[in-house]
């Protein structure tokens, strides 16, 4: 069957149009592909450049880190050297004060002896009043020397643990206050006799001494109670022994309770003490891994609660 020439021509035209259309599509696809390739190449170049910058920054950072590390090591070394120098200076100062206080203690004791003899021999009331004032000043001086020695011992002595009855040790310590007790300062002990404490006896006695001295120093001129100081002891567990010192002195004002255990802190501006007593108590307990805090007990003005580890 013969195909008409017009139909054949139409087919050829359609075929040419199809080929041209495919060529155009293919050209566009190739252009798009090249564009994508170029974009990828540009992106890779940017990434490469960025990586190079990052690598340079990393090297610079590492260099700075090493420099800072060296600087820190130098600073740490300087700090360690200064700290060691300060520690040695503090130790030398403490040793000097400790030895000096011992040297001063001898003449002070001699002066007290002379004053006591003078008070026996002299009958003139005015002269006796002067000697009494001198004696009080010497007692204050002795306490300051005692505090300096205590500070040295707290920081330098080796702990010497021993076991003892809490009641007996407290009662024995109170014998040092026969003069104050004779003058009417009433101290009662409320401690079960079966409590046995294992700790450093020197530091324990130091704690007793400073808290009792504090109660005596701040006692009321006009008594408001028959009990001036109550020392209570109890044991909740085997690990710790608790002691409460409750007194009926002048008390501690609310605005002075903060930092009451700090060095040179006084409960009142009228105080003639050194301001070291409660500071030494805190230091001794810190050395024993114990604690002290202001507490409350009904019927008393001031209460100190002490917690001492029992090393038994």
Protein backbone atom coordinates (compact mmCIF):
# COMPACT_ATOMS: atom_id res chain seq x y z
CA UNK A 1 0.00 0.00 0.00
CA UNK A 2 1.47 3.30 -1.06
CA UNK A 3 1.72 6.07 1.60
CA UNK A 4 0.63 9.43 0.30
CA UNK A 5 3.46 11.86 -0.09
CA UNK A 6 1.73 14.40 2.18
CA UNK A 7 1.42 11.88 5.01
CA UNK A 8 5.01 10.81 4.61
CA UNK A 9 6.10 14.42 4.71
CA UNK A 10 4.09 14.97 7.87
CA UNK A 11 5.75 11.98 9.55
CA UNK A 12 9.18 13.25 8.61
CA UNK A 13 8.35 16.69 10.03
CA UNK A 14 7.05 15.15 13.27
CA UNK A 15 10.15 13.03 13.51
CA UNK A 16 12.39 16.06 13.02
CA UNK A 17 10.43 17.98 15.64
CA UNK A 18 10.85 15.04 18.06
CA UNK A 19 14.57 14.88 17.41
CA UNK A 20 14.94 18.64 17.85
CA UNK A 21 12.89 18.49 21.08
CA UNK A 22 15.06 15.66 22.41
CA UNK A 23 18.18 17.58 21.46
CA UNK A 24 16.94 20.67 23.29
CA UNK A 25 16.01 18.62 26.37
CA UNK A 26 19.36 16.86 26.32
CA UNK A 27 21.21 20.18 25.94
CA UNK A 28 19.34 21.59 28.90
CA UNK A 29 20.07 18.47 30.94
CA UNK A 30 23.76 18.69 30.03
CA UNK A 31 23.82 22.40 30.96
CA UNK A 32 22.07 21.65 34.26
CA UNK A 33 24.48 18.79 34.92
CA UNK A 34 27.49 21.02 34.21
CA UNK A 35 25.99 23.70 36.44
CA UNK A 36 25.60 21.18 39.27
CA UNK A 37 29.14 19.95 38.72
CA UNK A 38 30.44 23.51 38.87
CA UNK A 39 28.40 24.16 42.01
CA UNK A 40 29.80 20.99 43.57
CA UNK A 41 33.33 21.99 42.57
CA UNK A 42 32.79 25.47 44.05
CA UNK A 43 31.32 23.95 47.22
CA UNK A 44 34.26 21.55 47.49
CA UNK A 45 36.67 24.44 47.03
CA UNK A 46 34.87 26.41 49.73
CA UNK A 47 34.88 23.39 52.05
CA UNK A 48 38.55 22.83 51.33
CA UNK A 49 39.31 26.49 51.99
CA UNK A 50 37.22 26.38 55.15
CA UNK A 51 39.01 23.21 56.31
CA UNK A 52 42.33 24.89 55.67
CA UNK A 53 41.23 27.89 57.73
CA UNK A 54 39.96 25.58 60.45
CA UNK A 55 43.22 23.67 60.44
CA UNK A 56 45.16 26.92 60.72
CA UNK A 57 42.85 28.04 63.53
CA UNK A 58 43.27 24.67 65.25
CA UNK A 59 47.05 24.96 65.03
CA UNK A 60 46.88 28.50 66.39
CA UNK A 61 44.52 27.36 69.17
CA UNK A 62 46.85 24.49 70.06
CA UNK A 63 49.73 26.94 70.14
CA UNK A 64 47.76 29.34 72.37
CA UNK A 65 46.71 26.42 74.58
CA UNK A 66 50.32 25.37 75.01
CA UNK A 67 51.29 28.97 75.77
CA UNK A 68 48.48 29.26 78.32
CA UNK A 69 49.47 25.92 79.84
CA UNK A 70 53.06 27.13 80.20
CA UNK A 71 51.84 30.42 81.70
CA UNK A 72 49.57 28.52 84.12
CA UNK A 73 52.42 26.23 85.14
CA UNK A 74 54.62 29.26 85.78
CA UNK A 75 51.85 30.94 87.77
CA UNK A 76 51.17 27.76 89.75
CA UNK A 77 54.86 27.46 90.48
CA UNK A 78 55.00 31.06 91.67
CA UNK A 79 51.89 30.53 93.82
CA UNK A 80 53.36 27.35 95.29
CA UNK A 81 56.62 29.12 96.03
CA UNK A 82 54.80 32.06 97.65
CA UNK A 83 52.52 29.69 99.57
CA UNK A 84 55.50 27.76 100.88
CA UNK A 85 57.27 30.98 101.80
CA UNK A 86 54.11 32.17 103.59
CA UNK A 87 53.75 28.82 105.36
CA UNK A 88 57.35 28.98 106.55
CA UNK A 89 56.91 32.60 107.62
CA UNK A 90 53.74 31.74 109.54
CA UNK A 91 55.44 28.77 111.16
CA UNK A 92 58.44 30.92 112.11
CA UNK A 93 56.11 33.57 113.51
CA UNK A 94 54.11 30.98 115.44
CA UNK A 95 57.30 29.43 116.80
CA UNK A 96 58.62 32.87 117.76
CA UNK A 97 55.37 33.78 119.55
CA UNK A 98 55.25 30.39 121.24
CA UNK A 99 58.81 30.63 122.57
CA UNK A 100 58.41 34.30 123.46
CA UNK A 101 55.22 33.58 125.38
CA UNK A 102 57.07 30.94 127.39
CA UNK A 103 59.81 33.48 128.14
CA UNK A 104 57.21 36.04 129.25
CA UNK A 105 55.33 33.52 131.40
CA UNK A 106 58.20 33.26 133.91
CA UNK A 107 58.41 36.98 134.79
CA UNK A 108 54.61 37.18 134.81
CA UNK A 109 54.38 34.38 137.37
CA UNK A 110 57.08 36.08 139.44
CA UNK A 111 55.17 39.37 139.39
CA UNK A 112 52.00 37.56 140.48
CA UNK A 113 53.90 36.04 143.37
CA UNK A 114 55.23 39.43 144.42
CA UNK A 115 51.74 40.92 144.20
CA UNK A 116 50.31 38.14 146.37
CA UNK A 117 53.02 38.67 149.00
CA UNK A 118 52.44 42.44 148.88
CA UNK A 119 48.71 41.95 149.42
CA UNK A 120 49.50 39.95 152.56
CA UNK A 121 52.04 42.42 153.99
CA UNK A 122 50.43 45.73 152.99
CA UNK A 123 47.44 46.95 154.98
CA UNK A 124 46.79 50.27 153.24
CA UNK A 125 43.46 50.00 151.36
CA UNK A 126 44.49 52.24 148.47
CA UNK A 127 47.70 50.28 147.92
CA UNK A 128 45.80 46.98 148.10
CA UNK A 129 43.39 48.26 145.46
CA UNK A 130 46.32 49.09 143.16
CA UNK A 131 47.85 45.65 143.68
CA UNK A 132 44.49 44.00 142.95
CA UNK A 133 44.31 45.90 139.65
CA UNK A 134 47.87 44.84 138.82
CA UNK A 135 46.92 41.25 139.63
CA UNK A 136 43.92 41.43 137.27
CA UNK A 137 46.13 42.78 134.49
CA UNK A 138 48.62 39.96 135.07
CA UNK A 139 45.79 37.42 134.91
CA UNK A 140 44.68 38.90 131.56
CA UNK A 141 48.27 38.77 130.33
CA UNK A 142 48.52 35.12 131.38
CA UNK A 143 45.36 34.30 129.44
CA UNK A 144 46.68 36.03 126.32
CA UNK A 145 49.94 34.08 126.60
CA UNK A 146 47.93 30.91 127.19
CA UNK A 147 45.89 31.62 124.03
CA UNK A 148 49.04 32.13 121.93
CA UNK A 149 50.44 28.84 123.20
CA UNK A 150 47.12 27.10 122.55
CA UNK A 151 46.99 28.37 118.95
CA UNK A 152 50.48 26.96 118.35
CA UNK A 153 49.64 23.61 119.95
CA UNK A 154 46.39 23.24 118.00
CA UNK A 155 48.17 23.66 114.68
CA UNK A 156 51.42 21.82 115.41
CA UNK A 157 51.08 19.10 118.05
CA UNK A 158 50.59 15.46 117.15
CA UNK A 159 47.27 14.07 118.37
CA UNK A 160 47.77 11.93 121.46
CA UNK A 161 44.63 9.82 121.92
CA UNK A 162 43.62 8.46 125.29
CA UNK A 163 40.40 7.14 126.84
CA UNK A 164 38.89 8.70 129.93
CA UNK A 165 35.61 9.15 131.78
CA UNK A 166 33.87 12.28 130.53
CA UNK A 167 32.44 13.00 133.98
CA UNK A 168 35.74 12.48 135.83
CA UNK A 169 37.72 14.55 133.33
CA UNK A 170 35.24 17.41 133.60
CA UNK A 171 35.13 17.25 137.39
CA UNK A 172 38.92 17.16 137.55
CA UNK A 173 39.19 20.18 135.27
CA UNK A 174 36.79 22.19 137.45
CA UNK A 175 39.28 22.00 140.33
CA UNK A 176 41.18 24.76 138.53
CA UNK A 177 38.25 27.09 139.24
CA UNK A 178 38.14 26.72 143.01
CA UNK A 179 38.60 30.48 143.44
CA UNK A 180 35.68 31.36 141.17
CA UNK A 181 33.50 28.66 142.73
CA UNK A 182 34.39 29.94 146.20
CA UNK A 183 33.23 33.39 145.11
CA UNK A 184 29.82 31.95 144.28
CA UNK A 185 30.12 30.92 140.63
CA UNK A 186 27.96 27.79 140.65
CA UNK A 187 28.82 25.05 138.14
CA UNK A 188 26.86 21.80 137.91
CA UNK A 189 27.75 18.68 135.94
CA UNK A 190 25.02 16.64 134.30
CA UNK A 191 27.01 13.86 132.63
CA UNK A 192 26.34 10.10 132.88
CA UNK A 193 29.34 8.46 134.52
CA UNK A 194 29.40 5.60 132.00
CA UNK A 195 30.34 7.83 129.04
CA UNK A 196 33.96 7.16 128.03
CA UNK A 197 35.59 9.48 125.49
CA UNK A 198 38.66 8.65 123.42
CA UNK A 199 40.32 11.80 122.10
CA UNK A 200 43.29 14.11 122.60
CA UNK A 201 43.17 15.05 126.30
CA UNK A 202 45.10 18.31 125.84
CA UNK A 203 42.66 19.61 123.23
CA UNK A 204 39.71 18.40 125.30
CA UNK A 205 40.98 20.33 128.34
CA UNK A 206 41.61 23.36 126.14
CA UNK A 207 37.98 23.29 124.95
CA UNK A 208 36.71 23.01 128.54
CA UNK A 209 39.00 25.81 129.70
CA UNK A 210 38.00 28.30 127.01
CA UNK A 211 34.24 27.69 127.23
CA UNK A 212 34.28 27.85 131.05
CA UNK A 213 36.45 31.00 130.98
CA UNK A 214 33.95 32.50 128.56
CA UNK A 215 31.07 31.77 130.96
CA UNK A 216 32.99 33.26 133.91
CA UNK A 217 34.03 36.34 131.95
CA UNK A 218 30.48 37.13 130.82
CA UNK A 219 28.65 36.30 134.06
CA UNK A 220 25.99 38.65 135.35
CA UNK A 221 26.96 41.01 138.15
CA UNK A 222 23.54 40.47 139.70
CA UNK A 223 22.53 36.81 139.57
CA UNK A 224 19.22 35.80 138.04
CA UNK A 225 19.61 32.06 138.68
CA UNK A 226 21.19 29.67 141.19
CA UNK A 227 23.04 27.99 138.31
CA UNK A 228 25.75 29.99 136.53
CA UNK A 229 26.98 27.19 134.25
CA UNK A 230 25.58 23.77 133.46
CA UNK A 231 27.75 21.21 131.66
CA UNK A 232 25.69 18.39 130.13
CA UNK A 233 26.97 15.34 128.30
CA UNK A 234 25.18 12.69 126.30
CA UNK A 235 25.89 10.10 123.64
CA UNK A 236 23.48 9.33 120.78
CA UNK A 237 25.85 6.94 118.99
CA UNK A 238 29.24 5.36 119.67
CA UNK A 239 30.87 7.61 117.08
CA UNK A 240 30.28 10.93 118.84
CA UNK A 241 30.01 12.47 122.30
CA UNK A 242 27.89 15.58 122.73
CA UNK A 243 28.53 18.26 125.37
CA UNK A 244 26.36 21.30 126.12
CA UNK A 245 27.60 24.34 128.03
CA UNK A 246 24.61 26.43 129.18
CA UNK A 247 25.20 29.61 131.17
CA UNK A 248 23.18 32.43 132.68
CA UNK A 249 25.56 35.22 131.75
CA UNK A 250 24.81 38.39 129.83
CA UNK A 251 24.02 36.41 126.67
CA UNK A 252 25.01 37.20 123.08
CA UNK A 253 23.04 39.83 121.15
CA UNK A 254 21.49 38.69 117.86
CA UNK A 255 23.68 41.07 115.83
CA UNK A 256 26.82 39.57 117.38
CA UNK A 257 26.00 35.89 117.04
CA UNK A 258 27.24 35.71 113.45
CA UNK A 259 30.95 35.02 113.46
CA UNK A 260 31.05 34.52 117.23
CA UNK A 261 33.73 31.85 116.67
CA UNK A 262 35.91 34.14 114.55
CA UNK A 263 39.27 35.45 115.73
CA UNK A 264 39.10 38.56 117.95
CA UNK A 265 35.29 38.44 117.98
CA UNK A 266 33.82 39.66 121.27
CA UNK A 267 30.27 39.22 122.56
CA UNK A 268 30.22 42.83 123.76
CA UNK A 269 32.27 45.99 123.34
CA UNK A 270 32.71 46.04 127.13
CA UNK A 271 34.61 42.77 127.02
CA UNK A 272 38.19 42.87 128.27
CA UNK A 273 39.07 39.49 126.79
CA UNK A 274 41.34 38.83 123.84
CA UNK A 275 38.54 37.59 121.61
CA UNK A 276 40.41 34.32 121.04
CA UNK A 277 38.60 31.92 123.39
CA UNK A 278 35.78 30.65 121.17
CA UNK A 279 38.07 30.85 118.13
CA UNK A 280 40.43 28.40 119.88
CA UNK A 281 37.47 26.15 120.74
CA UNK A 282 36.49 26.00 117.07
CA UNK A 283 40.12 25.41 116.02
CA UNK A 284 40.61 22.57 118.51
CA UNK A 285 37.37 20.89 117.44
CA UNK A 286 38.30 21.28 113.78
CA UNK A 287 41.57 19.49 114.52
CA UNK A 288 39.54 16.69 116.14
CA UNK A 289 37.01 16.68 113.24
CA UNK A 290 34.38 17.91 115.69
CA UNK A 291 31.91 20.80 115.58
CA UNK A 292 30.63 23.61 117.79
CA UNK A 293 27.57 25.79 117.40
CA UNK A 294 25.35 28.17 119.31
CA UNK A 295 22.41 26.25 120.72
CA UNK A 296 19.35 26.92 122.82
CA UNK A 297 18.38 25.55 126.22
CA UNK A 298 15.36 26.66 128.21
CA UNK A 299 16.21 28.66 131.32
CA UNK A 300 19.67 29.73 130.12
CA UNK A 301 20.98 32.79 128.27
CA UNK A 302 23.73 31.16 126.18
CA UNK A 303 24.29 27.59 125.07
CA UNK A 304 27.23 26.09 123.18
CA UNK A 305 26.73 22.62 121.70
CA UNK A 306 29.86 20.59 121.04
CA UNK A 307 30.18 17.37 119.07
CA UNK A 308 33.44 15.41 119.54
CA UNK A 309 34.32 12.26 117.55
CA UNK A 310 34.87 9.29 119.84
CA UNK A 311 37.98 7.50 118.53
CA UNK A 312 37.40 4.32 120.55
